[in-house]
Amino acid sequence: MKEIVPTTSAIVQNEFEAIRNVFNKNVLPTYARYDLALSHGEGSYVFDVAGKRYLDLGGGIAVNCLGHAHPAITDALIEQSRKLVHTCNLYYTVPQGRLAAEIVSHIGEGKVFFSNSGVEANEGLFKLARKFGHDEGRFEILTAANSFHGRTLAGIAATGQEKVKKGFEPLVEGFLHAPFNDGPSLLAAVQEPGIAAVLLEPIQGEIGINPATADYLKLARALCDRHNLLLLFDEVQCGLGRTGDWCGWKTLTGGESVMPDAVSWAKGIAGGFPLGAIWVSDRPVTLKTGETVPLCDLLGPGSHGTTFGGTPLVSVGANEVLSVIEEEGMLANARDIGAYALGALRAIDSPLIAEVRGVGLMLAVDLVSDFAARAKIPAGRPPSLWIADQFHAAGLLTVPSGALAFRWLPPLNVSRAEIDEAVQITTDLLRKLA
């Protein structure tokens, strides 16, 4: 048999270079990877192949919502793997039906479609919008500047950042952008006759934790109602507990005063297993034929599909994740520890910090504009990436945002002591750099 990975001795002997060489030879270079090879994790900590421990406040970019190796999730997956791992979606399975019902119970009346990832969930929203506007010749979707909606061709066209579009022209048509949190611009943009839907992240994550205002979300709902548009929310990063509520938009609006027509999720929905989902409202829509149907039935048989979305194995894992979040009080923990972490970060007295923002356990620190000069960073290295390396050396994993910020996206069960540890590491590092 052809050997395609290094012998186990390379890992046993902690030979990082051997592992990196295998990646460099065999894996497409679509990621600028850090000089870390992780081996295993437990709770809020991960370990590299040399045995060094790191406090993981990156959380796999908001995926590991219960931390690493949570025993309840492991046990549920092992038990289900002995029964049925996969079957196609031509059949009914108990785990998928139960998961859909659980999500509906937390959001509102409607139906759920399962996919494999966040961008695939967003593709479901794109198709729903096009189907909704098709009979009237409307197919455009309005999104916000600085948004992020994934890396498929439609995902990058929907994303309001030019950097992700370069080299992939011509772009998928049908996407327009307007400034975020800007009511007058939104009001002007929805006048376009070809628009079928407005797609917003209630909290923009990739750009560095930028929440919408309650008034902006309420205006979006009112304008969509007035112009017969769908209001779609991308909660791939901010949904299902991260803000201290099942829905990020409810945290921002203080309840259910704003209800979208459809929502996308992924990341933390299954605690690390690949799963995405969309929920679609059951509100009635009238077809060109005059027939009225629930919006959630608009994508009928043959109009959309998935091979691996909602398999029995991943559905069991996601069901257990949602149960643990509820039973162990993690929504309250996200609110309480999130507020504590936000206060602790804002209390750091450093001339290198420009701003600290946060909603629940979504936190971002903006560095000052001249950080590169102050910290004497080598030319060509963005501060957000450079400081991530410094955090790694100090035993802390964070997530870079743009060129001048880093994010904390810890597990929903993170403790106050772990936040204190991360704040101390951050304080010491910034003091050293200043």
Foldseek 3Di string as FASTA:
>chain_A
DDDLADDCVCLQVPVLVRRVVSCVVPPPPPDPDDSFAWDFWDFQWTATSVGFIFRELCLVVQFQQRTGPDPLLVVLLVVVVVPFFFDFPVDDDDLLVVLQVVVCVQAHDFTKDKAFAQLVLVVVVLLLLCLQCVVVQARAEEEEAQAARDQDLQRVLQYNDVVSCPPPPPGDDRYHYFHALDLVRVLVVLVPPRHAAYEYACFRAQQFTRHHALVNLLSRQVSCVVSVHFYEYECANPACQLLLGRGPSCLRNVHPSHHGQKYKYFRHLLSPGGMIMMTGHQDWDADPVRDIGGSNCSCDPPNDGHGPTSGSSSSSSSVSSSVCCVVVVLSVLLQVLQVVLQVLLVPQDFQQWDDWDGRRSKIKTFGDPCLCVLLVPPPPQQPQVVVQSVSVVVRYHWAGHDRGMIIGNTHSPDDNVSSVVVSVSVSVVRVVSD
